[in-house]
Amino acid sequence: MTVSLHIDESGFTGRQLLDPLQRYFVLGSSLIDDTTAAAILRDSFPDYRGAEFKFEKIWNRPTSRRRLADFLQTIGPHADQVYVWHIDKRFALLIKMLEFLMEPDIYDRGGDWYSGYGPRISNYFHFGLTRMSPRGLYEEVLTAYYNFARRPTEEGRLDLSETLKALKTRAPEELGSIFSACIEGVTRFHRHHDMAVFKETLDIYVTSLLNVVSYWTNRRPEGLAVQHDESSALFQKAGMWSALTSARVAEQQHPVRNGPPIAFPLPVLSTTARRSDDSPAIQLCDLIAGFTVKTLTREVQSDLALMTAMRDGGFGEVTINGVAPGTEFPEGPPPRRLGKDAVDRMVDIIRSGGG
């Protein structure tokens, strides 16, 4: 038996992780079929006019926005068929900075960044930059790394080093060792990275889609037929996605940042791009993703009807996971690495799948 998994996104800006207007990236996913989705949309927005249901149009029309409470009430009973993944893009950029500047040296010393140490040190650095440092230092650190990662050049590498040194002088003493490790990582950059392809490290789409598929894999044993909007960014990563979903990948459990390990090979039998105006199920995912962005930006908190519908209508039962600052901090040095780490194992998976 095959189950159709519908997916749509909101807030995707490619490698522009510091887009000031779209701080969050969200993937809304659902097992709700087209017929049921069409009924949910019609019942929720009976006066809506348009070729397809689009969240931004609904949000920007007062008469339609008032019906969002009805939508939350209507979709509530289907909460177990919905999963949402979100990313705080600025925090994701901070994670990437520490991973690519600090992790190689830790690896060389036999440590394991991916066994939980990486997320904890990222949380600690975020806390220090946002709660203990002068106002604006967090954004300056992100901008310095972002400018280099988007257009990596030798001149940019040297500029990044000097900028981090200057920012370190304004940071609290508790963050000094992290700044020093990052500066050392910039110095040793060529030992561990290929500058020609380094800009690809800003991608967040494939790992997000992998998380969504993994979530459903752990709950439904059937094969998945993934259906996404044809305008999706997945086309840009089709080769990698094909490798990750190949049946040639050896059986294994791959650890992830949030959630249970991913079981390979993935039970993805097909991945199909569909026109969203032909798929009410994908339109439903667009509304789910778009509304989630508004909750993350706290734009719904002033609307009592929406807040009540979220609490009482069942939408609050939807499983939501993602990448956001946490409160778990490191309690010591990184643990010793035993065998291949998560990245080496993922490289093996992609290669075995033909990527």
Protein backbone atom coordinates (compact mmCIF):
# COMPACT_ATOMS: atom_id res chain seq x y z
CA MET A 1 0.00 0.00 0.00
CA THR A 2 1.20 3.51 -0.84
CA VAL A 3 0.36 6.65 1.12
CA SER A 4 0.43 10.08 -0.54
CA LEU A 5 2.44 12.65 1.42
CA HIS A 6 1.67 16.23 0.41
CA ILE A 7 4.14 19.02 1.15
CA ASP A 8 4.28 22.77 0.69
CA GLU A 9 6.48 25.50 2.07
CA SER A 10 6.42 29.04 3.35
CA GLY A 11 9.24 31.50 3.87
CA PHE A 12 11.82 29.81 1.67
CA THR A 13 14.44 32.33 0.51
CA GLY A 14 17.13 30.00 -0.80
CA ARG A 15 20.56 30.81 0.60
CA GLN A 16 19.37 34.22 1.81
CA LEU A 17 19.13 33.19 5.45
CA LEU A 18 19.16 36.79 6.71
CA ASP A 19 16.11 37.94 4.76
CA PRO A 20 14.68 40.61 7.12
CA LEU A 21 11.07 39.97 6.08
CA GLN A 22 11.06 36.18 6.24
CA ARG A 23 12.86 34.95 9.32
CA TYR A 24 11.27 31.50 9.36
CA PHE A 25 11.14 28.64 6.87
CA VAL A 26 8.28 26.18 7.28
CA LEU A 27 7.35 22.91 5.59
CA GLY A 28 3.74 21.89 6.06
CA SER A 29 3.05 18.22 5.37
CA SER A 30 -0.11 16.15 5.40
CA LEU A 31 -1.53 12.73 4.60
CA ILE A 32 -4.95 14.30 3.96
CA ASP A 33 -6.14 13.42 0.45
CA ASP A 34 -7.37 15.86 -2.20
CA THR A 35 -11.06 15.13 -1.66
CA THR A 36 -10.94 15.67 2.10
CA ALA A 37 -8.69 18.70 1.73
CA ALA A 38 -11.10 20.27 -0.78
CA ALA A 39 -13.98 19.81 1.66
CA ILE A 40 -11.98 21.37 4.53
CA LEU A 41 -11.10 24.38 2.41
CA ARG A 42 -14.64 24.91 1.09
CA ASP A 43 -16.21 24.55 4.53
CA SER A 44 -13.69 26.93 6.10
CA PHE A 45 -13.77 29.63 3.42
CA PRO A 46 -17.15 29.42 1.64
CA ASP A 47 -16.87 32.95 0.24
CA TYR A 48 -13.29 32.63 -1.00
CA ARG A 49 -12.77 33.49 -4.66
CA GLY A 50 -9.67 32.50 -6.55
CA ALA A 51 -8.12 29.78 -8.69
CA GLU A 52 -6.61 28.21 -5.57
CA PHE A 53 -6.50 28.75 -1.84
CA LYS A 54 -3.40 30.72 -0.91
CA PHE A 55 -2.59 31.65 2.66
CA GLU A 56 -1.25 35.12 1.89
CA LYS A 57 -4.45 36.06 0.07
CA ILE A 58 -6.53 34.83 2.99
CA TRP A 59 -4.36 36.61 5.55
CA ASN A 60 -4.44 39.91 3.67
CA ARG A 61 -8.24 39.96 3.25
CA PRO A 62 -10.01 40.82 6.53
CA THR A 63 -13.17 38.88 5.61
CA SER A 64 -11.14 35.77 4.78
CA ARG A 65 -8.80 36.12 7.77
CA ARG A 66 -11.76 35.98 10.12
CA ARG A 67 -12.51 32.52 8.74
CA LEU A 68 -9.10 31.18 9.76
CA ALA A 69 -10.60 30.29 13.13
CA ASP A 70 -13.09 28.07 11.27
CA PHE A 71 -10.21 26.51 9.36
CA LEU A 72 -8.40 25.64 12.59
CA GLN A 73 -11.58 24.13 14.00
CA THR A 74 -12.22 22.11 10.84
CA ILE A 75 -8.70 20.75 10.48
CA GLY A 76 -8.38 19.96 14.18
CA PRO A 77 -9.85 16.43 13.95
CA HIS A 78 -7.20 15.63 11.31
CA ALA A 79 -4.27 16.78 13.48
CA ASP A 80 -2.70 13.31 13.48
CA GLN A 81 -2.41 13.55 9.70
CA VAL A 82 -0.40 16.79 9.79
CA TYR A 83 3.24 17.49 10.61
CA VAL A 84 5.04 20.84 10.52
CA TRP A 85 8.77 21.48 10.37
CA HIS A 86 10.17 24.97 10.87
CA ILE A 87 13.57 26.65 10.94
CA ASP A 88 14.65 29.89 12.56
CA LYS A 89 16.92 30.84 9.67
CA ARG A 90 19.16 33.14 11.70
CA PHE A 91 19.78 30.47 14.32
CA ALA A 92 20.35 27.92 11.54
CA LEU A 93 23.02 30.25 10.16
CA LEU A 94 24.69 30.39 13.58
CA ILE A 95 24.67 26.58 13.74
CA LYS A 96 26.25 26.37 10.30
CA MET A 97 28.92 28.90 11.26
CA LEU A 98 29.99 26.93 14.33
CA GLU A 99 29.76 23.62 12.50
CA PHE A 100 32.00 24.65 9.63
CA LEU A 101 34.49 26.67 11.67
CA MET A 102 34.71 24.66 14.90
CA GLU A 103 33.77 21.08 14.03
CA PRO A 104 36.76 20.20 11.77
CA ASP A 105 39.27 20.87 14.56
CA ILE A 106 37.17 18.91 17.04
CA TYR A 107 37.03 16.07 14.53
CA ASP A 108 40.82 16.13 14.11
CA ARG A 109 41.17 15.79 17.87
CA GLY A 110 38.90 12.75 17.91
CA GLY A 111 35.78 14.49 19.20
CA ASP A 112 32.20 13.98 18.01
CA TRP A 113 30.41 17.23 17.23
CA TYR A 114 27.22 15.49 16.10
CA SER A 115 26.48 13.44 19.21
CA GLY A 116 24.76 16.39 20.86
CA TYR A 117 27.67 18.72 21.49
CA GLY A 118 27.05 20.85 18.39
CA PRO A 119 23.45 21.79 19.26
CA ARG A 120 24.40 22.54 22.87
CA ILE A 121 27.32 24.82 22.02
CA SER A 122 25.09 26.57 19.45
CA ASN A 123 22.46 27.19 22.15
CA TYR A 124 25.12 28.54 24.50
CA PHE A 125 26.63 30.86 21.88
CA HIS A 126 23.17 32.13 20.94
CA PHE A 127 22.33 32.78 24.59
CA GLY A 128 25.58 34.65 25.12
CA LEU A 129 25.19 36.78 22.00
CA THR A 130 21.55 37.67 22.62
CA ARG A 131 21.39 37.88 26.43
CA MET A 132 24.91 38.79 27.61
CA SER A 133 26.39 40.86 24.77
CA PRO A 134 25.97 44.43 23.52
CA ARG A 135 22.84 44.97 21.45
CA GLY A 136 23.35 44.04 17.81
CA LEU A 137 26.38 41.80 18.29
CA TYR A 138 24.41 38.67 17.35
CA GLU A 139 23.42 40.21 14.01
CA GLU A 140 26.97 41.41 13.36
CA VAL A 141 28.38 37.92 13.92
CA LEU A 142 25.78 36.37 11.61
CA THR A 143 26.31 39.00 8.91
CA ALA A 144 30.08 38.52 8.94
CA TYR A 145 29.82 34.78 8.38
CA TYR A 146 26.91 35.09 5.96
CA ASN A 147 28.75 37.51 3.69
CA PHE A 148 31.63 35.07 3.40
CA ALA A 149 29.51 31.92 2.99
CA ARG A 150 27.41 33.44 0.20
CA ARG A 151 30.43 34.53 -1.83
CA PRO A 152 33.47 32.67 -0.51
CA THR A 153 36.74 34.20 -1.69
CA GLU A 154 40.21 34.42 -0.22
CA GLU A 155 39.72 38.13 0.40
CA GLY A 156 36.42 37.37 2.11
CA ARG A 157 38.09 34.74 4.31
CA LEU A 158 40.64 37.28 5.53
CA ASP A 159 37.89 39.85 6.13
CA LEU A 160 35.94 37.30 8.17
CA SER A 161 38.97 36.61 10.33
CA GLU A 162 39.57 40.29 11.06
CA THR A 163 35.87 40.93 11.72
CA LEU A 164 35.61 38.05 14.21
CA LYS A 165 38.70 39.31 16.01
CA ALA A 166 37.13 42.77 16.34
CA LEU A 167 33.79 41.37 17.48
CA LYS A 168 35.50 39.20 20.08
CA THR A 169 36.77 42.33 21.85
CA ARG A 170 33.16 43.46 22.37
CA ALA A 171 31.85 40.08 23.52
CA PRO A 172 31.66 38.90 27.14
CA GLU A 173 34.60 36.88 28.41
CA GLU A 174 32.45 33.74 28.58
CA LEU A 175 32.27 33.64 24.76
CA GLY A 176 35.99 34.21 24.18
CA SER A 177 36.89 30.56 23.64
CA ILE A 178 34.17 30.11 21.02
CA PHE A 179 35.29 33.22 19.14
CA SER A 180 38.89 31.98 19.29
CA ALA A 181 37.90 28.56 17.95
CA CYS A 182 36.00 30.18 15.06
CA ILE A 183 38.92 32.45 14.23
CA GLU A 184 41.21 29.42 14.22
CA GLY A 185 38.72 27.67 11.95
CA VAL A 186 38.92 30.54 9.47
CA THR A 187 42.72 30.31 9.56
CA ARG A 188 42.62 26.58 8.80
CA PHE A 189 39.76 26.87 6.34
CA HIS A 190 41.64 25.49 3.33
CA ARG A 191 42.65 22.39 5.26
CA HIS A 192 39.06 21.23 5.56
CA HIS A 193 36.88 22.93 2.93
CA ASP A 194 36.66 23.54 -0.80
CA MET A 195 35.92 27.22 -1.30
CA ALA A 196 34.48 26.58 -4.77
CA VAL A 197 31.48 24.71 -3.35
CA PHE A 198 31.29 26.24 0.12
CA LYS A 199 28.26 28.40 -0.68
CA GLU A 200 26.18 25.22 -0.96
CA THR A 201 26.50 24.85 2.82
CA LEU A 202 23.73 27.44 3.27
CA ASP A 203 21.07 25.05 1.96
CA ILE A 204 18.28 24.18 4.41
CA TYR A 205 15.71 22.60 2.10
CA VAL A 206 16.90 19.01 1.65
CA THR A 207 17.58 18.41 5.34
CA SER A 208 14.13 19.82 6.14
CA LEU A 209 12.42 17.54 3.63
CA LEU A 210 14.41 14.62 4.99
CA ASN A 211 13.11 15.39 8.47
CA VAL A 212 9.51 15.45 7.25
CA VAL A 213 9.83 12.14 5.41
CA SER A 214 11.55 10.60 8.42
CA TYR A 215 8.69 11.70 10.69
CA TRP A 216 6.11 9.94 8.56
CA THR A 217 8.33 6.91 8.00
CA ASN A 218 8.38 6.33 11.75
CA ARG A 219 4.58 6.40 11.87
CA ARG A 220 3.43 4.74 8.66
CA PRO A 221 5.04 1.52 7.43
CA GLU A 222 3.62 1.92 3.92
CA GLY A 223 5.59 3.33 1.02
CA LEU A 224 5.36 7.09 0.55
CA ALA A 225 4.42 8.88 -2.66
CA VAL A 226 5.76 12.39 -2.06
CA GLN A 227 3.84 15.15 -3.84
CA HIS A 228 5.07 18.74 -3.73
CA ASP A 229 4.29 22.03 -5.41
CA GLU A 230 6.01 22.25 -8.79
CA SER A 231 7.42 25.65 -7.81
CA SER A 232 9.26 24.02 -4.91
CA ALA A 233 13.02 24.42 -4.47
CA LEU A 234 13.37 20.64 -4.59
CA PHE A 235 14.10 20.83 -8.31
CA GLN A 236 17.43 22.48 -7.48
CA LYS A 237 18.39 19.48 -5.33
CA ALA A 238 16.80 16.72 -7.38
CA GLY A 239 20.04 14.76 -7.72
CA MET A 240 20.74 14.67 -4.01
CA TRP A 241 17.13 13.84 -3.18
CA SER A 242 17.18 10.99 -5.67
CA ALA A 243 20.31 9.60 -4.01
CA LEU A 244 18.84 9.91 -0.51
CA THR A 245 15.66 8.08 -1.52
CA SER A 246 17.39 5.37 -3.55
CA ALA A 247 16.63 1.75 -2.68
CA ARG A 248 20.36 1.03 -3.09
CA VAL A 249 21.20 2.67 0.24
CA ALA A 250 22.21 0.08 2.82
CA GLU A 251 19.99 -0.49 5.86
CA GLN A 252 21.06 1.79 8.71
CA GLN A 253 19.87 4.21 11.37
CA HIS A 254 21.04 7.79 10.86
CA PRO A 255 20.97 10.16 13.87
CA VAL A 256 19.32 13.57 13.49
CA ARG A 257 19.24 16.77 15.54
CA ASN A 258 15.56 16.56 16.49
CA GLY A 259 13.61 13.34 16.65
CA PRO A 260 14.29 9.62 16.29
CA PRO A 261 17.00 8.30 13.94
CA ILE A 262 16.19 8.13 10.23
CA ALA A 263 15.85 4.57 8.96
CA PHE A 264 17.45 4.02 5.56
CA PRO A 265 16.59 3.11 2.89
CA LEU A 266 13.69 5.51 2.96
CA PRO A 267 10.31 4.10 1.82
CA VAL A 268 9.87 6.86 -0.75
CA LEU A 269 8.48 5.16 -3.85
CA SER A 270 8.06 8.33 -5.90
CA THR A 271 8.50 12.11 -5.76
CA THR A 272 6.13 14.09 -7.98
CA ALA A 273 5.78 17.80 -8.69
CA ARG A 274 2.16 18.92 -9.00
CA ARG A 275 0.48 22.16 -9.94
CA SER A 276 -0.85 23.51 -6.69
CA ASP A 277 -4.05 24.76 -8.34
CA ASP A 278 -4.82 21.13 -9.25
CA SER A 279 -4.19 19.82 -5.73
CA PRO A 280 -6.36 20.90 -2.79
CA ALA A 281 -4.09 18.76 -0.57
CA ILE A 282 -1.07 20.90 -1.46
CA GLN A 283 -3.13 24.07 -1.01
CA LEU A 284 -4.02 22.81 2.46
CA CYS A 285 -0.32 22.43 3.24
CA ASP A 286 0.23 26.00 2.03
CA LEU A 287 -2.29 27.25 4.58
CA ILE A 288 -0.78 25.13 7.34
CA ALA A 289 2.74 26.38 6.58
CA GLY A 290 1.65 29.99 6.20
CA PHE A 291 -0.31 30.02 9.43
CA THR A 292 2.61 28.44 11.29
CA VAL A 293 4.85 31.30 10.15
CA LYS A 294 2.36 33.77 11.66
CA THR A 295 2.43 31.91 14.97
CA LEU A 296 6.24 31.97 14.99
CA THR A 297 6.28 35.71 14.33
CA ARG A 298 3.59 36.13 17.02
CA GLU A 299 1.23 37.91 14.62
CA VAL A 300 -1.73 35.82 15.78
CA GLN A 301 -1.40 36.63 19.47
CA SER A 302 -3.55 39.75 19.21
CA ASP A 303 -6.42 37.78 17.66
CA LEU A 304 -8.43 36.18 20.46
CA ALA A 305 -10.56 34.10 18.10
CA LEU A 306 -7.51 32.55 16.47
CA MET A 307 -5.80 31.89 19.78
CA THR A 308 -8.95 30.24 21.12
CA ALA A 309 -9.33 28.14 17.97
CA MET A 310 -5.72 27.02 18.22
CA ARG A 311 -6.24 25.97 21.83
CA ASP A 312 -9.69 24.40 21.59
CA GLY A 313 -10.05 23.41 17.96
CA GLY A 314 -7.46 20.67 17.84
CA PHE A 315 -4.83 22.47 15.79
CA GLY A 316 -2.79 22.60 18.96
CA GLU A 317 -2.49 18.82 18.67
CA VAL A 318 -0.55 19.09 15.41
CA THR A 319 3.04 17.91 15.84
CA ILE A 320 5.44 20.78 15.24
CA ASN A 321 9.22 20.41 15.34
CA GLY A 322 12.12 22.46 14.14
CA VAL A 323 15.41 24.26 14.56
CA ALA A 324 15.25 27.01 17.15
CA PRO A 325 17.38 28.19 20.09
CA GLY A 326 17.19 25.90 23.09
CA THR A 327 18.32 25.90 26.70
CA GLU A 328 20.53 22.80 26.76
CA PHE A 329 24.17 23.87 27.14
CA PRO A 330 27.38 21.79 27.02
CA GLU A 331 28.57 20.37 30.34
CA GLY A 332 32.10 19.61 29.21
CA PRO A 333 34.20 18.90 26.12
CA PRO A 334 32.74 16.99 23.16
CA PRO A 335 32.59 13.21 23.62
CA ARG A 336 35.08 10.96 21.87
CA ARG A 337 34.13 9.86 18.40
CA LEU A 338 33.48 6.15 17.97
CA GLY A 339 33.69 5.25 14.30
CA LYS A 340 32.23 7.46 11.60
CA ASP A 341 30.28 10.53 12.65
CA ALA A 342 26.89 11.59 11.29
CA VAL A 343 28.27 13.61 8.37
CA ASP A 344 30.60 10.84 7.17
CA ARG A 345 27.72 8.41 7.31
CA MET A 346 25.46 10.77 5.35
CA VAL A 347 28.15 11.14 2.67
CA ASP A 348 28.26 7.34 2.41
CA ILE A 349 24.46 7.27 2.04
CA ILE A 350 24.47 9.84 -0.78
CA ARG A 351 27.29 8.05 -2.60
CA SER A 352 25.67 4.65 -2.28
CA GLY A 353 22.46 6.12 -3.64
CA GLY A 354 24.21 7.43 -6.72
CA GLY A 355 24.63 11.05 -5.65
